[in-house]
Amino acid sequence: MTMMSPPRPVSVPPTEVASRKPRAVSWRHISELSEVGRQLYDEMLNIVVWVKSNAGQGSFYRSQHEFIGVFRVGEEPHQNNVELGRFGRNRSNVWTYAGVNTFVKGRMEALAAHPTVKPVALVADALLDCTARGDVVLDQFVGSGTTLLTAAKVARVAIGIEYEPRYVDVAILRWQRMTKLEAIFASDGRSFEDVGAARAAEIEQPNPHHWTAAGIKSPPNSATEDRTTAAFDVEEAKGDHVGSRPEGSHE
């Protein structure tokens, strides 16, 4: 099952992915949400209304909610962990969680990480609704890494895609602070800190192609800058450990 705003298509077999992170949209984009979702996925199951504890901006009515589309991926029945409270989860399609504009503990840190960061509790409840322990969760736009944090909390396996290097760094640092574990570079086993130190050293080395003629300094060649988004092995099967390091208790 997937919960989404209008995404860019991603080539991942539906059977390999249990869920995708909820993505919320404002009322202005509800038609695109429905149209694109129906084109990409197999069935629309519901539309969730995320009601925030504090209203934002608005010229007529101030906005205090966003929409989350719920779609099924593939032809197989979706996992339902709610079933009218059968498993102790009494959930409706109205979710109430504080928005980033609410003055709560950690607000400024969250805003510094990403301007539209989602509450961990919102994502955690969504995963608990439709996935099982150890299931794979795909986040097509990792951003500040809320899905990585949430997967660690509820014992799911997070697979993330992010093309902005600064957000890759933010996501990994947040994950390391929360889990007290170390992200490992998938290709050679180096730690996140080791890779950062090596790249910083490369930047500090003088560029032989950077020269000055007639007092005019040539601009640096941005194509030589290493902006490759690295893949870090931050989650392993069953969400119980990273590499050989045991994970702490799950909430």
Protein backbone atom coordinates (compact mmCIF):
# COMPACT_ATOMS: atom_id res chain seq x y z
CA MET A 1 0.00 0.00 0.00
CA THR A 2 1.21 3.53 -0.65
CA MET A 3 0.34 6.89 0.84
CA MET A 4 1.38 9.70 -1.41
CA SER A 5 1.19 13.08 -3.03
CA PRO A 6 1.76 13.21 -6.82
CA PRO A 7 5.17 11.46 -7.18
CA ARG A 8 7.64 10.84 -9.94
CA PRO A 9 7.43 7.20 -11.06
CA VAL A 10 9.98 4.86 -9.53
CA SER A 11 10.93 1.46 -10.93
CA VAL A 12 10.48 -0.83 -7.93
CA PRO A 13 8.50 -4.08 -8.13
CA PRO A 14 5.40 -3.61 -5.94
CA THR A 15 5.91 -7.02 -4.33
CA GLU A 16 9.23 -5.85 -2.88
CA VAL A 17 7.83 -2.79 -1.17
CA ALA A 18 5.36 -2.99 1.69
CA SER A 19 4.62 0.70 1.94
CA ARG A 20 5.74 4.18 1.00
CA LYS A 21 5.97 7.17 3.28
CA PRO A 22 2.85 9.35 3.56
CA ARG A 23 3.12 12.52 1.51
CA ALA A 24 0.70 15.30 2.24
CA VAL A 25 -0.67 17.93 -0.15
CA SER A 26 -2.78 21.04 0.32
CA TRP A 27 -6.34 21.43 -0.97
CA ARG A 28 -4.97 23.13 -4.10
CA HIS A 29 -3.48 19.85 -5.36
CA ILE A 30 -6.15 17.33 -4.41
CA SER A 31 -7.19 16.80 -8.05
CA GLU A 32 -3.60 16.06 -9.10
CA LEU A 33 -3.21 13.72 -6.14
CA SER A 34 -6.23 11.68 -7.19
CA GLU A 35 -5.49 11.71 -10.93
CA VAL A 36 -1.80 10.82 -10.74
CA GLY A 37 -2.34 8.26 -8.01
CA ARG A 38 -4.95 6.42 -10.03
CA GLN A 39 -2.59 6.34 -13.03
CA LEU A 40 0.37 4.97 -11.08
CA TYR A 41 -1.28 2.58 -8.67
CA ASP A 42 -3.94 -0.11 -8.80
CA GLU A 43 -6.66 1.15 -6.48
CA MET A 44 -7.44 4.23 -4.44
CA LEU A 45 -8.40 3.11 -0.92
CA ASN A 46 -9.04 6.40 0.85
CA ILE A 47 -8.02 10.02 1.35
CA VAL A 48 -6.75 10.90 4.82
CA VAL A 49 -7.13 14.39 6.24
CA TRP A 50 -4.17 15.45 8.39
CA VAL A 51 -5.52 18.05 10.84
CA LYS A 52 -2.78 20.15 12.40
CA SER A 53 -2.92 21.62 15.87
CA ASN A 54 -2.17 25.12 14.57
CA ALA A 55 -3.38 26.88 11.42
CA GLY A 56 -0.96 28.22 8.82
CA GLN A 57 -1.39 30.99 6.27
CA GLY A 58 -4.42 31.77 4.12
CA SER A 59 -6.05 34.82 2.57
CA PHE A 60 -9.63 33.67 3.27
CA TYR A 61 -9.53 30.60 5.50
CA ARG A 62 -6.25 29.79 7.19
CA SER A 63 -5.03 26.34 6.20
CA GLN A 64 -4.97 23.76 8.99
CA HIS A 65 -5.08 20.47 7.12
CA GLU A 66 -3.42 18.51 4.33
CA PHE A 67 -4.54 15.50 2.31
CA ILE A 68 -2.83 12.11 2.11
CA GLY A 69 -3.87 9.74 -0.68
CA VAL A 70 -3.98 6.03 0.20
CA PHE A 71 -3.47 3.68 -2.76
CA ARG A 72 -2.88 -0.04 -3.14
CA VAL A 73 0.21 -1.23 -5.01
CA GLY A 74 -0.34 -4.39 -7.06
CA GLU A 75 -3.26 -6.78 -7.28
CA GLU A 76 -2.73 -8.56 -3.94
CA PRO A 77 -4.90 -7.50 -0.97
CA HIS A 78 -3.27 -4.83 1.16
CA GLN A 79 -2.29 -5.51 4.74
CA ASN A 80 -4.89 -4.17 7.15
CA ASN A 81 -3.72 -3.86 10.76
CA VAL A 82 -6.78 -1.84 11.78
CA GLU A 83 -9.91 -3.86 10.88
CA LEU A 84 -12.27 -1.77 13.02
CA GLY A 85 -10.08 -2.13 16.11
CA ARG A 86 -9.62 -5.89 15.87
CA PHE A 87 -5.87 -5.53 16.55
CA GLY A 88 -6.22 -2.69 19.05
CA ARG A 89 -5.80 0.08 16.48
CA ASN A 90 -8.83 2.36 16.24
CA ARG A 91 -8.12 4.63 13.31
CA SER A 92 -10.17 6.89 11.05
CA ASN A 93 -9.29 8.90 7.96
CA VAL A 94 -8.84 12.04 10.10
CA TRP A 95 -5.39 12.22 11.67
CA THR A 96 -4.48 14.88 14.23
CA TYR A 97 -0.78 15.66 14.62
CA ALA A 98 1.08 18.89 15.31
CA GLY A 99 2.43 20.68 12.25
CA VAL A 100 5.89 22.16 12.01
CA ASN A 101 4.46 25.62 12.81
CA THR A 102 3.39 24.46 16.28
CA PHE A 103 5.61 25.61 19.14
CA VAL A 104 6.70 22.26 20.51
CA LYS A 105 10.02 20.86 21.72
CA GLY A 106 12.43 20.27 18.84
CA ARG A 107 10.55 22.57 16.44
CA MET A 108 13.53 24.75 15.49
CA GLU A 109 15.77 21.71 14.98
CA ALA A 110 13.15 20.16 12.69
CA LEU A 111 12.77 23.37 10.69
CA ALA A 112 16.53 23.64 10.33
CA ALA A 113 16.62 20.11 8.96
CA HIS A 114 13.86 20.58 6.36
CA PRO A 115 11.15 23.22 5.77
CA THR A 116 8.33 20.66 5.45
CA VAL A 117 9.47 17.95 7.84
CA LYS A 118 6.68 15.52 8.81
CA PRO A 119 5.99 14.35 12.39
CA VAL A 120 7.61 11.00 13.20
CA ALA A 121 4.43 9.97 15.01
CA LEU A 122 2.33 10.48 11.87
CA VAL A 123 4.60 8.31 9.74
CA ALA A 124 4.94 5.69 12.49
CA ASP A 125 1.17 5.27 12.81
CA ALA A 126 0.82 5.00 9.04
CA LEU A 127 3.41 2.22 8.92
CA LEU A 128 1.81 0.40 11.83
CA ASP A 129 -1.53 0.51 9.96
CA CYS A 130 -0.41 -1.34 6.86
CA THR A 131 2.96 -3.07 7.38
CA ALA A 132 4.43 -5.83 9.54
CA ARG A 133 7.65 -5.95 11.52
CA GLY A 134 10.58 -6.30 9.11
CA ASP A 135 8.65 -5.07 6.04
CA VAL A 136 10.39 -2.82 3.51
CA VAL A 137 9.30 0.82 3.30
CA LEU A 138 10.33 2.91 0.28
CA ASP A 139 10.80 6.66 0.57
CA GLN A 140 11.31 8.17 -2.88
CA PHE A 141 12.29 11.57 -1.46
CA VAL A 142 14.15 11.05 1.81
CA GLY A 143 14.54 14.75 2.62
CA SER A 144 15.55 15.11 6.25
CA GLY A 145 15.16 11.38 6.92
CA THR A 146 11.93 11.10 8.90
CA THR A 147 11.22 7.70 7.32
CA LEU A 148 14.64 6.38 8.38
CA LEU A 149 13.98 7.44 11.96
CA THR A 150 10.47 6.04 11.93
CA ALA A 151 11.52 2.69 10.46
CA ALA A 152 14.07 2.29 13.23
CA LYS A 153 11.41 3.02 15.85
CA VAL A 154 8.82 0.54 14.54
CA ALA A 155 11.24 -2.17 13.30
CA ARG A 156 10.72 -1.72 9.56
CA VAL A 157 13.41 -1.63 6.87
CA ALA A 158 13.78 1.74 5.15
CA ILE A 159 15.01 2.16 1.57
CA GLY A 160 15.50 5.80 0.63
CA ILE A 161 16.29 7.85 -2.45
CA GLU A 162 17.58 11.43 -2.24
CA TYR A 163 19.44 13.48 -4.87
CA GLU A 164 20.30 16.52 -2.70
CA PRO A 165 23.67 15.85 -0.98
CA ARG A 166 22.92 18.20 1.91
CA TYR A 167 19.73 16.30 2.75
CA VAL A 168 21.58 12.98 2.55
CA ASP A 169 23.91 14.35 5.22
CA VAL A 170 21.03 15.66 7.34
CA ALA A 171 19.13 12.37 7.15
CA ILE A 172 22.14 10.25 8.10
CA LEU A 173 23.14 12.54 10.97
CA ARG A 174 19.58 12.49 12.37
CA TRP A 175 19.48 8.71 12.10
CA GLN A 176 22.84 8.33 13.83
CA ARG A 177 21.83 10.66 16.68
CA MET A 178 18.58 8.80 17.27
CA THR A 179 19.87 5.23 17.04
CA LYS A 180 23.37 5.86 18.47
CA LEU A 181 24.65 3.71 15.58
CA GLU A 182 26.99 4.36 12.69
CA ALA A 183 25.99 4.59 9.01
CA ILE A 184 28.29 2.53 6.78
CA PHE A 185 29.18 3.30 3.15
CA ALA A 186 27.73 0.35 1.25
CA SER A 187 30.50 -0.03 -1.34
CA ASP A 188 33.57 -0.25 0.89
CA GLY A 189 32.49 -0.37 4.54
CA ARG A 190 33.76 3.08 5.53
CA SER A 191 31.80 5.06 8.11
CA PHE A 192 29.90 8.24 7.28
CA GLU A 193 32.49 10.27 9.21
CA ASP A 194 35.40 8.64 7.35
CA VAL A 195 33.83 9.43 3.98
CA GLY A 196 33.15 13.03 5.05
CA ALA A 197 36.75 13.50 6.22
CA ALA A 198 38.14 12.07 2.98
CA ARG A 199 35.99 14.32 0.81
CA ALA A 200 36.83 17.36 2.91
CA ALA A 201 40.52 16.61 2.40
CA GLU A 202 39.98 16.36 -1.36
CA ILE A 203 38.30 19.77 -1.41
CA GLU A 204 41.21 21.34 0.49
CA GLN A 205 43.78 20.15 -2.04
CA PRO A 206 44.84 22.84 -4.58
CA ASN A 207 43.32 22.46 -8.02
CA PRO A 208 46.07 22.45 -10.71
CA HIS A 209 43.52 23.63 -13.27
CA HIS A 210 42.55 26.64 -11.21
CA TRP A 211 44.81 29.39 -12.57
CA THR A 212 45.03 33.16 -12.77
CA ALA A 213 45.82 35.05 -15.95
CA ALA A 214 46.26 38.84 -16.20
CA GLY A 215 44.98 39.19 -12.68
CA ILE A 216 41.66 37.49 -13.51
CA LYS A 217 40.85 34.40 -11.52
CA SER A 218 39.13 31.67 -13.47
CA PRO A 219 35.93 30.34 -11.90
CA PRO A 220 36.01 26.86 -10.40
CA ASN A 221 34.65 24.09 -12.56
CA SER A 222 31.50 22.99 -10.81
CA ALA A 223 31.51 19.78 -12.84
CA THR A 224 34.54 18.62 -10.85
CA GLU A 225 32.73 18.97 -7.55
CA ASP A 226 31.74 15.66 -6.03
CA ARG A 227 27.98 15.98 -5.63
CA THR A 228 27.23 12.28 -5.92
CA THR A 229 24.64 11.14 -3.45
CA ALA A 230 26.14 8.21 -1.59
CA ALA A 231 24.22 5.09 -0.69
CA PHE A 232 24.66 4.26 2.96
CA ASP A 233 23.63 0.98 4.51
CA VAL A 234 21.59 2.45 7.36
CA GLU A 235 18.96 -0.27 7.64
CA GLU A 236 19.28 -4.04 7.39
CA ALA A 237 16.67 -6.78 7.23
CA LYS A 238 14.10 -6.84 10.03
CA GLY A 239 15.18 -3.39 11.18
CA ASP A 240 17.02 -4.91 14.11
CA HIS A 241 20.60 -3.91 13.37
CA VAL A 242 23.01 -2.10 11.08
CA GLY A 243 26.01 -4.15 10.10
CA SER A 244 27.07 -6.03 13.19
CA ARG A 245 25.93 -3.34 15.61
CA PRO A 246 22.75 -4.15 17.57
CA GLU A 247 19.94 -1.63 17.54
CA GLY A 248 18.38 -0.25 20.69
CA SER A 249 14.87 -1.06 21.85
CA HIS A 250 12.00 -0.18 19.57
CA GLU A 251 9.14 2.01 20.65
